[in-house]
N, C-alpha and C. Protein backbone atom coordinates (compact mmCIF):
# COMPACT_ATOMS: atom_id res chain seq x y z
N MET A 1 17.97 -8.53 -7.47
CA MET A 1 18.05 -7.77 -5.73
C MET A 1 16.59 -7.98 -5.69
N SER A 2 16.63 -9.49 -4.03
CA SER A 2 15.18 -9.46 -3.93
C SER A 2 14.40 -8.13 -3.36
N THR A 3 12.86 -8.13 -3.85
CA THR A 3 12.45 -7.02 -3.47
C THR A 3 11.46 -7.27 -2.25
N ALA A 4 11.14 -8.22 -1.61
CA ALA A 4 10.99 -8.66 -0.80
C ALA A 4 10.93 -9.75 -0.19
N PRO A 5 10.57 -10.03 1.31
CA PRO A 5 10.99 -10.45 2.08
C PRO A 5 10.94 -11.89 1.46
N ASP A 6 11.13 -13.14 1.92
CA ASP A 6 11.16 -14.40 1.06
C ASP A 6 10.17 -15.09 1.84
N ASP A 7 9.71 -15.76 1.38
CA ASP A 7 8.30 -16.82 2.05
C ASP A 7 9.38 -17.62 3.54
N GLU A 8 10.23 -18.04 3.18
CA GLU A 8 10.40 -18.49 4.33
C GLU A 8 10.51 -17.66 5.46
N GLU A 9 11.33 -16.73 5.03
CA GLU A 9 11.51 -15.98 6.63
C GLU A 9 9.91 -15.28 6.89
N ARG A 10 9.03 -15.16 5.83
CA ARG A 10 8.37 -14.28 6.62
C ARG A 10 7.18 -15.63 7.10
N GLN A 11 7.19 -16.93 6.83
CA GLN A 11 6.71 -18.37 7.45
C GLN A 11 7.17 -18.17 8.70
N GLU A 12 8.60 -17.50 8.92
CA GLU A 12 9.63 -17.52 10.27
C GLU A 12 8.85 -16.55 11.43
N ASP A 13 8.82 -16.05 10.93
CA ASP A 13 8.15 -14.18 11.41
C ASP A 13 6.96 -14.68 11.91
N ARG A 14 5.99 -15.17 11.13
CA ARG A 14 4.45 -15.28 11.19
C ARG A 14 4.49 -16.45 12.63
N PHE A 15 5.26 -17.48 12.53
CA PHE A 15 5.41 -18.12 13.84
C PHE A 15 5.74 -17.46 14.87
N LEU A 16 6.61 -17.05 15.14
CA LEU A 16 7.06 -16.48 16.09
C LEU A 16 6.46 -14.81 16.26
N VAL A 17 5.19 -14.39 16.02
CA VAL A 17 4.70 -13.61 15.70
C VAL A 17 3.35 -14.01 16.51
N LEU A 18 3.07 -15.04 16.24
CA LEU A 18 1.97 -15.62 16.75
C LEU A 18 2.06 -16.05 18.17
N ARG A 19 3.43 -16.41 18.61
CA ARG A 19 3.30 -16.64 19.89
C ARG A 19 3.58 -15.77 20.79
N ALA A 20 4.72 -14.76 20.25
CA ALA A 20 4.22 -13.05 20.95
C ALA A 20 2.95 -12.77 21.15
N GLN A 21 2.08 -13.21 20.42
CA GLN A 21 0.90 -12.43 20.42
C GLN A 21 0.17 -13.30 21.58
N ASP A 22 0.66 -14.17 22.09
CA ASP A 22 0.22 -15.25 23.33
C ASP A 22 0.92 -14.61 24.71
N GLY A 23 1.80 -14.07 24.21
CA GLY A 23 3.02 -13.28 25.41
C GLY A 23 3.91 -14.14 25.40
N ASP A 24 4.40 -14.67 24.42
CA ASP A 24 5.88 -15.69 24.71
C ASP A 24 7.31 -14.17 24.26
N VAL A 25 7.69 -13.71 25.29
CA VAL A 25 8.38 -12.51 25.22
C VAL A 25 10.04 -13.81 24.87
N ALA A 26 10.03 -14.75 25.39
CA ALA A 26 11.59 -15.27 24.23
C ALA A 26 11.07 -14.88 22.87
N ALA A 27 10.08 -15.12 22.12
CA ALA A 27 9.62 -15.69 20.39
C ALA A 27 9.51 -14.31 20.38
N PHE A 28 8.72 -12.69 20.75
CA PHE A 28 9.80 -11.51 20.49
C PHE A 28 10.97 -11.57 20.73
N GLU A 29 11.87 -12.04 21.52
CA GLU A 29 13.31 -11.28 21.46
C GLU A 29 13.77 -12.31 20.54
N GLN A 30 13.66 -13.21 19.74
CA GLN A 30 13.66 -13.96 18.71
C GLN A 30 13.60 -12.87 17.25
N LEU A 31 12.73 -11.98 17.28
CA LEU A 31 12.02 -11.51 16.50
C LEU A 31 13.05 -10.41 16.45
N VAL A 32 13.39 -10.05 17.62
CA VAL A 32 14.07 -8.78 17.48
C VAL A 32 15.97 -9.01 17.49
N ASP A 33 15.92 -10.01 17.73
CA ASP A 33 17.31 -10.72 16.86
C ASP A 33 17.31 -10.59 15.43
N ARG A 34 16.27 -10.92 14.48
CA ARG A 34 16.24 -11.53 12.95
C ARG A 34 16.04 -10.08 12.88
N HIS A 35 15.52 -8.72 13.36
CA HIS A 35 15.31 -7.84 12.65
C HIS A 35 16.00 -6.22 12.78
N GLN A 36 16.72 -6.18 14.44
CA GLN A 36 17.10 -4.86 14.80
C GLN A 36 18.54 -4.89 14.02
N GLY A 37 19.11 -5.58 13.62
CA GLY A 37 20.43 -5.13 12.78
C GLY A 37 19.65 -4.31 11.80
N ARG A 38 19.13 -4.77 11.12
CA ARG A 38 18.65 -4.29 9.65
C ARG A 38 17.87 -2.85 10.22
N LEU A 39 17.13 -2.50 11.25
CA LEU A 39 16.34 -1.43 11.40
C LEU A 39 17.70 -0.35 12.00
N PHE A 40 18.84 -1.02 13.17
CA PHE A 40 19.74 0.02 12.90
C PHE A 40 20.05 0.70 11.85
N ARG A 41 20.41 -0.43 10.86
CA ARG A 41 20.88 0.04 9.96
C ARG A 41 20.29 1.31 8.81
N SER A 42 19.22 0.97 8.84
CA SER A 42 18.31 2.12 8.30
C SER A 42 17.93 3.30 8.62
N ALA A 43 18.18 3.05 9.93
CA ALA A 43 17.88 4.23 10.99
C ALA A 43 19.30 5.03 11.12
N TYR A 44 20.27 4.21 11.11
CA TYR A 44 21.62 5.53 10.84
C TYR A 44 21.85 5.87 9.35
N LEU A 45 21.57 5.02 8.67
CA LEU A 45 21.57 5.68 6.94
C LEU A 45 20.55 7.13 7.36
N LEU A 46 19.61 7.01 7.83
CA LEU A 46 18.36 8.24 7.39
C LEU A 46 18.89 9.58 8.39
N LEU A 47 19.48 9.09 9.48
CA LEU A 47 19.31 10.37 10.15
C LEU A 47 21.01 10.31 10.43
N GLY A 48 22.31 10.13 10.11
CA GLY A 48 23.76 10.33 10.24
C GLY A 48 24.43 10.58 11.73
N ASP A 49 23.35 10.08 12.51
CA ASP A 49 23.69 9.77 14.24
C ASP A 49 23.56 8.38 14.48
N ARG A 50 24.84 7.56 15.26
CA ARG A 50 24.49 6.31 16.05
C ARG A 50 23.57 6.72 17.24
N GLN A 51 24.03 7.62 17.95
CA GLN A 51 22.90 7.68 19.44
C GLN A 51 21.51 7.68 18.58
N GLU A 52 20.96 8.89 18.10
CA GLU A 52 19.75 9.22 17.43
C GLU A 52 19.33 7.51 16.89
N ALA A 53 20.27 6.88 15.97
CA ALA A 53 19.59 5.90 15.68
C ALA A 53 19.27 4.55 16.46
N GLU A 54 20.28 4.71 17.58
CA GLU A 54 19.54 3.53 18.27
C GLU A 54 18.80 3.44 19.57
N ASP A 55 18.44 5.41 19.60
CA ASP A 55 17.09 5.53 19.92
C ASP A 55 16.12 5.35 19.48
N VAL A 56 15.80 5.26 18.09
CA VAL A 56 15.40 5.51 17.63
C VAL A 56 14.50 3.71 17.21
N VAL A 57 15.68 2.83 17.52
CA VAL A 57 15.09 1.21 17.19
C VAL A 57 14.76 0.89 18.66
N GLN A 58 15.19 1.45 19.57
CA GLN A 58 14.93 1.28 20.74
C GLN A 58 13.34 1.80 21.24
N ASP A 59 12.78 2.15 20.38
CA ASP A 59 11.91 3.13 20.85
C ASP A 59 10.62 2.19 20.01
N THR A 60 11.34 2.14 18.79
CA THR A 60 10.04 0.86 17.56
C THR A 60 10.15 -0.30 18.57
N LEU A 61 11.45 -0.59 19.16
CA LEU A 61 11.22 -1.84 19.69
C LEU A 61 9.83 -2.35 20.86
N VAL A 62 10.12 -0.96 21.63
CA VAL A 62 9.73 -1.06 22.54
C VAL A 62 7.74 -0.92 22.16
N GLN A 63 7.41 -0.20 20.97
CA GLN A 63 6.11 0.08 20.60
C GLN A 63 6.18 -1.18 19.25
N ALA A 64 6.35 -2.18 19.58
CA ALA A 64 6.32 -3.63 19.25
C ALA A 64 5.73 -3.81 19.19
N TRP A 65 6.62 -4.48 20.55
CA TRP A 65 5.88 -4.75 21.80
C TRP A 65 4.50 -4.73 22.26
N LYS A 66 4.19 -3.49 22.70
CA LYS A 66 2.99 -3.55 22.87
C LYS A 66 1.85 -3.29 21.93
N ARG A 67 2.05 -3.53 20.55
CA ARG A 67 1.10 -3.40 19.66
C ARG A 67 1.18 -4.55 19.05
N ILE A 68 2.14 -5.50 19.56
CA ILE A 68 2.38 -6.65 18.40
C ILE A 68 0.62 -7.53 18.37
N GLY A 69 -0.24 -7.33 19.56
CA GLY A 69 -1.21 -8.08 19.25
C GLY A 69 -2.27 -7.19 18.21
N LEU A 70 -1.83 -5.69 17.93
CA LEU A 70 -2.67 -5.64 16.91
C LEU A 70 -2.20 -5.60 15.58
N LEU A 71 -1.51 -6.40 15.09
CA LEU A 71 -0.72 -6.81 14.05
C LEU A 71 -1.44 -8.18 13.31
N GLU A 72 -2.13 -7.56 12.27
CA GLU A 72 -3.62 -8.76 11.83
C GLU A 72 -2.88 -9.88 11.05
N GLU A 73 -1.65 -8.99 10.04
CA GLU A 73 -0.91 -10.40 9.86
C GLU A 73 -0.11 -11.01 9.74
N PRO A 74 0.48 -11.84 10.69
CA PRO A 74 1.58 -11.79 11.34
C PRO A 74 2.94 -12.44 10.27
N ALA A 75 2.53 -12.68 9.30
CA ALA A 75 3.85 -12.67 8.50
C ALA A 75 3.74 -11.96 7.72
N ALA A 76 3.67 -10.21 7.87
CA ALA A 76 3.83 -9.24 7.51
C ALA A 76 4.41 -8.49 8.98
N PHE A 77 5.42 -8.56 8.96
CA PHE A 77 5.72 -8.13 10.51
C PHE A 77 7.04 -7.27 10.37
N ARG A 78 7.71 -7.77 9.45
CA ARG A 78 9.07 -6.78 8.32
C ARG A 78 8.15 -5.52 8.30
N GLY A 79 7.39 -5.58 7.28
CA GLY A 79 6.97 -3.91 6.97
C GLY A 79 6.46 -3.08 7.81
N TRP A 80 5.80 -4.27 8.37
CA TRP A 80 4.81 -3.66 9.70
C TRP A 80 5.95 -2.93 10.69
N ILE A 81 6.95 -3.68 11.22
CA ILE A 81 7.67 -2.57 12.28
C ILE A 81 8.74 -1.95 11.71
N SER A 82 9.27 -2.01 10.35
CA SER A 82 10.10 -1.27 9.79
C SER A 82 9.14 0.51 9.08
N ARG A 83 7.80 0.29 9.04
CA ARG A 83 6.64 1.35 8.94
C ARG A 83 7.14 2.52 10.13
N ILE A 84 7.13 1.39 11.73
CA ILE A 84 7.38 1.84 13.04
C ILE A 84 8.91 2.79 12.94
N CYS A 85 9.78 2.22 12.36
CA CYS A 85 11.14 2.29 12.40
C CYS A 85 11.18 3.75 11.41
N THR A 86 10.56 3.68 10.09
CA THR A 86 11.34 4.25 9.28
C THR A 86 10.15 6.38 9.63
N ARG A 87 8.63 5.66 10.23
CA ARG A 87 8.49 7.16 11.18
C ARG A 87 8.81 7.66 12.18
N ARG A 88 9.20 6.83 12.73
CA ARG A 88 9.99 7.72 14.13
C ARG A 88 11.12 8.09 13.41
N ALA A 89 12.05 7.55 12.77
CA ALA A 89 13.10 8.27 11.75
C ALA A 89 13.08 9.48 11.46
N THR A 90 11.75 9.18 10.65
CA THR A 90 11.98 10.37 9.69
C THR A 90 10.99 11.62 10.85
N ASP A 91 10.03 11.61 11.93
CA ASP A 91 9.98 12.03 12.45
C ASP A 91 11.29 13.26 13.32
N VAL A 92 12.19 12.62 13.83
CA VAL A 92 13.31 13.29 14.07
C VAL A 92 14.62 13.88 13.52
N VAL A 93 14.08 13.72 11.96
CA VAL A 93 14.62 14.67 10.44
C VAL A 93 13.99 15.27 10.72
N ARG A 94 12.99 15.63 11.13
CA ARG A 94 12.17 17.29 10.75
C ARG A 94 12.36 17.91 11.88
N ARG A 95 12.53 16.68 13.32
CA ARG A 95 12.83 17.86 14.54
C ARG A 95 13.42 18.30 14.17
N LEU A 96 14.82 17.74 13.70
CA LEU A 96 16.25 18.43 13.95
C LEU A 96 16.18 19.60 12.76
N ALA A 97 15.43 19.37 11.54
CA ALA A 97 15.01 20.56 10.75
C ALA A 97 16.50 19.92 9.73
N ARG A 98 17.09 21.04 9.80
CA ARG A 98 17.97 21.23 8.66
C ARG A 98 19.37 20.23 9.57
N ARG A 99 20.07 19.40 9.14
CA ARG A 99 20.91 18.67 10.06
C ARG A 99 22.33 19.35 9.13
N ALA A 100 23.56 19.44 10.17
CA ALA A 100 24.32 19.69 9.79
C ALA A 100 25.29 18.12 9.06
N THR A 101 25.92 18.43 7.95
CA THR A 101 26.89 16.98 7.83
C THR A 101 27.07 16.45 9.19
N ARG A 102 27.35 15.16 9.36
CA ARG A 102 28.14 14.73 10.24
C ARG A 102 29.65 13.61 9.85
N ALA A 103 30.13 14.00 10.73
CA ALA A 103 31.14 13.02 10.70
C ALA A 103 31.14 11.60 11.39
N HIS A 104 31.24 10.46 10.35
CA HIS A 104 30.79 8.99 10.39
C HIS A 104 32.64 8.52 11.23
N ALA A 105 32.30 7.72 12.09
CA ALA A 105 33.37 7.18 13.04
C ALA A 105 33.41 5.87 12.13
N ASP A 106 34.64 5.47 12.69
CA ASP A 106 34.82 3.91 11.88
C ASP A 106 34.10 3.02 12.36
N GLU A 107 33.78 3.17 13.65
CA GLU A 107 33.29 1.89 14.83
C GLU A 107 31.57 2.06 13.92
N ASP A 108 31.30 3.50 14.03
CA ASP A 108 29.73 3.28 13.45
C ASP A 108 29.04 3.04 12.55
N LEU A 109 30.54 2.69 11.31
CA LEU A 109 30.42 2.47 10.16
C LEU A 109 30.51 0.83 9.57
N GLU A 110 31.59 0.55 10.35
CA GLU A 110 30.97 -0.67 11.54
C GLU A 110 29.90 -1.61 11.23
N LEU A 111 29.39 -0.54 12.01
CA LEU A 111 27.72 -1.56 13.14
C LEU A 111 26.97 -1.09 11.40
N VAL A 112 27.26 0.06 10.67
CA VAL A 112 26.10 -0.16 9.58
C VAL A 112 26.13 -0.83 8.22
N ALA A 113 27.68 -1.29 8.38
CA ALA A 113 28.08 -2.56 7.65
C ALA A 113 28.09 -3.83 7.70
N ASP A 114 27.62 -4.25 9.63
CA ASP A 114 27.52 -5.51 10.11
C ASP A 114 26.31 -5.60 10.12
N GLY A 115 25.05 -4.30 10.24
CA GLY A 115 23.69 -4.63 10.91
C GLY A 115 23.83 -4.30 12.41
N ALA A 116 24.63 -4.29 12.73
CA ALA A 116 24.23 -3.60 14.14
C ALA A 116 23.38 -4.81 14.94
N PRO A 117 23.51 -5.74 16.37
CA PRO A 117 24.20 -6.58 15.61
C PRO A 117 24.29 -7.66 14.95
N ASP A 118 24.97 -8.55 14.40
CA ASP A 118 24.02 -9.99 14.05
C ASP A 118 23.51 -9.71 12.54
N GLY A 119 23.94 -8.48 11.60
CA GLY A 119 22.79 -8.55 10.92
C GLY A 119 23.38 -8.63 9.63
N ASP A 120 22.65 -8.48 8.43
CA ASP A 120 23.41 -8.79 7.27
C ASP A 120 24.45 -8.04 6.41
N GLY A 121 23.81 -6.77 6.93
CA GLY A 121 24.65 -5.73 6.64
C GLY A 121 25.06 -5.10 5.13
N LEU A 122 25.14 -3.73 4.75
CA LEU A 122 25.51 -3.08 3.28
C LEU A 122 26.96 -4.09 2.70
N ARG A 123 27.34 -4.96 3.56
CA ARG A 123 28.57 -5.68 3.18
C ARG A 123 28.55 -7.01 2.78
N ALA A 124 27.29 -7.05 2.36
CA ALA A 124 26.69 -8.83 2.57
C ALA A 124 27.42 -8.51 0.58
N GLY A 125 26.77 -7.54 0.05
CA GLY A 125 26.97 -7.64 -1.44
C GLY A 125 28.82 -6.74 -1.52
N ILE A 126 29.65 -6.88 -0.93
CA ILE A 126 31.05 -6.40 -0.54
C ILE A 126 31.86 -7.72 -0.49
N GLY A 127 31.25 -8.34 0.61
CA GLY A 127 31.87 -9.74 0.98
C GLY A 127 32.76 -9.45 2.21
N ARG A 128 32.77 -10.01 3.12
CA ARG A 128 33.42 -10.02 4.39
C ARG A 128 35.11 -10.47 4.44
N THR A 129 35.77 -9.91 4.99
CA THR A 129 37.46 -10.00 4.70
C THR A 129 37.70 -9.68 6.30
N PRO A 130 39.08 -10.17 6.39
CA PRO A 130 39.48 -9.86 7.56
C PRO A 130 41.04 -9.15 6.93
N ASP A 131 40.79 -8.90 5.61
CA ASP A 131 42.00 -7.95 4.92
C ASP A 131 42.04 -6.81 5.37
N PRO A 132 42.64 -5.86 6.05
CA PRO A 132 41.96 -4.47 7.06
C PRO A 132 42.24 -3.91 6.13
N ALA A 133 43.15 -4.13 4.54
CA ALA A 133 43.17 -2.91 4.08
C ALA A 133 42.06 -3.26 2.63
N ARG A 134 41.09 -3.88 2.80
CA ARG A 134 39.91 -4.42 2.44
C ARG A 134 38.95 -3.08 3.26
N SER A 135 38.69 -4.06 4.34
CA SER A 135 38.25 -3.24 5.13
C SER A 135 38.43 -2.08 5.29
N ALA A 136 39.26 -1.51 5.16
CA ALA A 136 39.62 0.13 5.17
C ALA A 136 39.23 1.05 4.05
N GLU A 137 38.93 -0.17 2.82
CA GLU A 137 38.20 0.70 1.16
C GLU A 137 37.09 0.31 1.54
N VAL A 138 36.56 -0.99 2.46
CA VAL A 138 34.84 -0.58 2.73
C VAL A 138 34.85 0.64 3.66
N ASN A 139 35.01 1.17 4.27
CA ASN A 139 34.81 1.77 5.33
C ASN A 139 34.71 3.09 4.16
N ALA A 140 35.57 3.14 3.75
CA ALA A 140 36.04 4.25 3.29
C ALA A 140 35.00 4.51 1.88
N GLN A 141 34.50 3.44 1.15
CA GLN A 141 33.04 3.59 0.12
C GLN A 141 31.99 3.66 1.16
N LEU A 142 31.48 3.49 2.56
CA LEU A 142 30.63 3.47 3.35
C LEU A 142 30.89 4.68 3.88
N ARG A 143 31.51 5.63 4.30
CA ARG A 143 31.80 7.25 4.90
C ARG A 143 31.28 7.72 3.32
N ALA A 144 31.63 7.08 2.42
CA ALA A 144 31.40 8.62 1.65
C ALA A 144 29.82 8.38 0.92
N LEU A 145 29.57 7.09 0.96
CA LEU A 145 27.90 7.03 0.83
C LEU A 145 27.06 7.75 1.76
N THR A 146 27.17 7.10 3.32
CA THR A 146 26.82 8.18 4.18
C THR A 146 26.38 9.25 4.45
N ASP A 147 28.11 10.15 3.94
CA ASP A 147 27.66 11.63 3.53
C ASP A 147 27.30 11.80 1.89
N VAL A 148 27.17 11.62 1.39
CA VAL A 148 25.99 11.51 0.22
C VAL A 148 24.75 11.68 0.90
N LEU A 149 24.28 10.47 1.28
CA LEU A 149 23.16 10.79 1.62
C LEU A 149 22.65 11.67 2.58
N ASP A 150 23.94 12.72 3.57
CA ASP A 150 23.44 13.14 5.03
C ASP A 150 22.70 13.89 3.56
N GLN A 151 23.72 14.45 2.44
CA GLN A 151 23.47 15.24 1.45
C GLN A 151 21.72 15.75 1.30
N LEU A 152 21.46 14.34 0.97
CA LEU A 152 20.07 14.70 0.00
C LEU A 152 18.55 14.40 0.89
N ASP A 153 17.85 15.24 0.20
CA ASP A 153 16.07 16.14 0.56
C ASP A 153 16.12 14.21 1.75
N PRO A 154 15.44 14.41 2.54
CA PRO A 154 15.20 13.40 3.71
C PRO A 154 13.99 12.53 2.70
N ASP A 155 13.37 13.39 1.91
CA ASP A 155 12.24 12.36 1.07
C ASP A 155 12.92 11.09 0.03
N LEU A 156 14.14 11.71 -0.85
CA LEU A 156 14.80 10.65 -1.35
C LEU A 156 15.61 10.11 -0.51
N ARG A 157 16.42 10.24 0.67
CA ARG A 157 16.83 9.33 1.31
C ARG A 157 16.33 8.39 1.91
N THR A 158 14.71 8.77 2.73
CA THR A 158 14.07 7.27 3.10
C THR A 158 13.66 6.56 1.99
N ALA A 159 13.29 7.04 0.76
CA ALA A 159 12.74 5.77 -0.73
C ALA A 159 13.99 5.20 -1.10
N TRP A 160 15.27 6.15 -0.95
CA TRP A 160 16.63 5.25 -1.07
C TRP A 160 16.89 4.19 -0.61
N VAL A 161 16.72 4.50 1.01
CA VAL A 161 17.20 3.39 2.36
C VAL A 161 15.93 2.29 2.14
N LEU A 162 14.61 2.74 1.92
CA LEU A 162 13.54 1.59 2.05
C LEU A 162 13.74 0.73 1.04
N ARG A 163 13.95 1.15 0.28
CA ARG A 163 14.49 0.10 -1.07
C ARG A 163 15.49 -0.13 -1.46
N GLU A 164 16.24 0.35 -1.46
CA GLU A 164 18.39 -0.38 -1.94
C GLU A 164 18.55 -1.06 -0.12
N VAL A 165 17.76 -0.80 1.07
CA VAL A 165 18.48 -1.20 2.46
C VAL A 165 17.37 -2.20 2.99
N GLU A 166 16.09 -1.67 2.86
CA GLU A 166 15.13 -2.65 3.67
C GLU A 166 14.42 -3.63 2.54
N GLU A 167 15.05 -3.30 0.96
CA GLU A 167 14.32 -4.10 -0.36
C GLU A 167 12.47 -4.49 -0.36
N LEU A 168 12.62 -3.24 0.41
CA LEU A 168 10.77 -3.34 0.32
C LEU A 168 9.98 -3.02 -0.99
N PRO A 169 9.31 -3.57 -1.41
CA PRO A 169 8.22 -3.09 -2.80
C PRO A 169 7.93 -1.76 -2.32
N TYR A 170 7.60 -1.63 -4.13
CA TYR A 170 7.51 0.27 -4.66
C TYR A 170 6.03 0.71 -3.57
N ARG A 171 4.82 -0.49 -3.39
CA ARG A 171 3.71 -0.21 -2.82
C ARG A 171 3.53 -0.03 -0.86
N GLU A 172 4.79 -1.31 -0.36
CA GLU A 172 5.17 -1.09 0.76
C GLU A 172 5.66 0.30 0.66
N ILE A 173 6.56 0.85 0.62
CA ILE A 173 7.65 2.61 0.45
C ILE A 173 6.44 3.31 0.68
N ALA A 174 5.30 3.36 -0.72
CA ALA A 174 4.39 4.36 -0.58
C ALA A 174 3.49 3.99 0.18
N HIS A 175 3.27 3.50 0.88
CA HIS A 175 2.13 2.99 2.39
C HIS A 175 2.68 3.50 3.81
N ILE A 176 4.50 3.20 3.70
CA ILE A 176 5.02 3.94 4.69
C ILE A 176 5.03 5.64 4.59
N THR A 177 5.41 5.99 3.71
CA THR A 177 5.85 7.32 3.51
C THR A 177 4.56 8.16 3.03
N GLY A 178 3.26 7.42 2.83
CA GLY A 178 2.29 7.98 2.61
C GLY A 178 2.21 8.97 1.00
N GLY A 179 2.87 8.24 0.39
CA GLY A 179 2.63 9.17 -0.78
C GLY A 179 1.83 7.92 -1.91
N THR A 180 2.12 7.83 -2.87
CA THR A 180 2.08 7.11 -4.24
C THR A 180 3.16 6.23 -4.53
N GLU A 181 2.83 5.36 -5.40
CA GLU A 181 3.47 4.70 -5.88
C GLU A 181 4.54 4.90 -7.54
N ALA A 182 4.13 6.20 -7.81
CA ALA A 182 4.64 6.89 -8.56
C ALA A 182 5.84 7.59 -8.29
N THR A 183 5.30 8.61 -6.94
CA THR A 183 6.16 9.61 -6.41
C THR A 183 6.84 8.28 -5.80
N VAL A 184 6.73 7.32 -5.31
CA VAL A 184 8.15 6.63 -5.18
C VAL A 184 9.40 6.68 -5.72
N ARG A 185 8.52 5.83 -7.17
CA ARG A 185 9.73 5.93 -7.99
C ARG A 185 10.54 7.37 -8.37
N GLY A 186 9.84 8.45 -8.42
CA GLY A 186 10.10 9.61 -8.98
C GLY A 186 11.02 9.91 -8.29
N ARG A 187 11.01 9.53 -6.84
CA ARG A 187 11.93 9.64 -5.60
C ARG A 187 13.27 9.06 -5.76
N LEU A 188 13.30 7.65 -5.96
CA LEU A 188 14.18 6.92 -6.10
C LEU A 188 15.00 7.09 -7.71
N ALA A 189 14.56 8.09 -8.18
CA ALA A 189 14.90 7.71 -9.40
C ALA A 189 15.89 8.98 -9.25
N ARG A 190 15.50 10.30 -8.83
CA ARG A 190 16.05 11.13 -7.92
C ARG A 190 17.89 10.97 -7.14
N ALA A 191 16.74 9.80 -6.09
CA ALA A 191 17.64 9.66 -5.08
C ALA A 191 19.53 9.29 -5.47
N ARG A 192 18.92 7.84 -6.70
CA ARG A 192 19.42 6.71 -7.48
C ARG A 192 20.72 7.77 -8.43
N ARG A 193 20.17 8.72 -8.78
CA ARG A 193 20.45 9.98 -9.78
C ARG A 193 21.52 10.77 -9.54
N GLN A 194 21.51 11.37 -7.18
CA GLN A 194 22.37 12.27 -7.73
C GLN A 194 23.24 11.36 -6.51
N ILE A 195 22.60 10.07 -6.22
CA ILE A 195 24.22 9.05 -5.39
C ILE A 195 25.15 8.77 -6.51
N PHE A 196 24.27 8.54 -7.47
CA PHE A 196 25.23 7.71 -8.99
C PHE A 196 26.24 9.22 -9.43
N ASP A 197 25.81 10.40 -9.47
CA ASP A 197 26.91 11.43 -10.10
C ASP A 197 28.02 12.00 -8.68
N ARG A 198 27.50 11.79 -7.25
CA ARG A 198 28.49 11.70 -6.15
C ARG A 198 29.01 10.95 -6.08
N MET A 199 28.68 9.51 -6.22
CA MET A 199 29.97 8.23 -5.88
C MET A 199 30.69 8.03 -7.25
N GLU A 200 30.76 8.93 -8.04
CA GLU A 200 31.52 8.71 -9.53
C GLU A 200 32.99 8.04 -8.74
N GLY A 201 33.42 8.71 -8.22
CA GLY A 201 34.87 8.30 -7.93
C GLY A 201 34.97 7.07 -7.18
N TRP A 202 33.60 6.48 -7.15
CA TRP A 202 34.12 4.98 -6.46
C TRP A 202 33.06 4.15 -7.99
N ARG A 203 33.01 4.28 -9.11
CA ARG A 203 32.55 3.43 -9.74
C ARG A 203 33.75 3.11 -10.72
């Protein structure tokens, strides 16, 4: 698994960010197309609710456009916008306090798998297939995963999503969550252990 965006992606982002900082709306729209699927996927896994996730992503994109002129390292756009999204999502989690486990509709799981829209999705490791039986199996697996994530402590869930979904390095996760790398590693270990135990039937 890659632990950071590759150089080509960073350079493409840099080019688009520089244009967007000059007021090029079309360039920012391309950045949105490149990243909104991943942002939605992460927000949904953190929040467990499609509408809340969509609201967080929309707010994130609005704030990113307003603040893009402040981004000093254009190639670091992915981490920068991920921080905005994650902080807003975790604020929502705290505001909702103890969330009840939610039912995850099949169409919501399709959005998570696909990255919604045009993303590379969690299904990338499973493989996209038109087989209805396989699709049902993938949805069942995603439903089980999202149910498990709902049960995790928010700090553990955030660390897991940022590492396993966003594929961010430990240093970046620590910066986003306001902790240390050691804290991040500890949370990841606990999250992985709990997910491993609760997903035993899918191994």
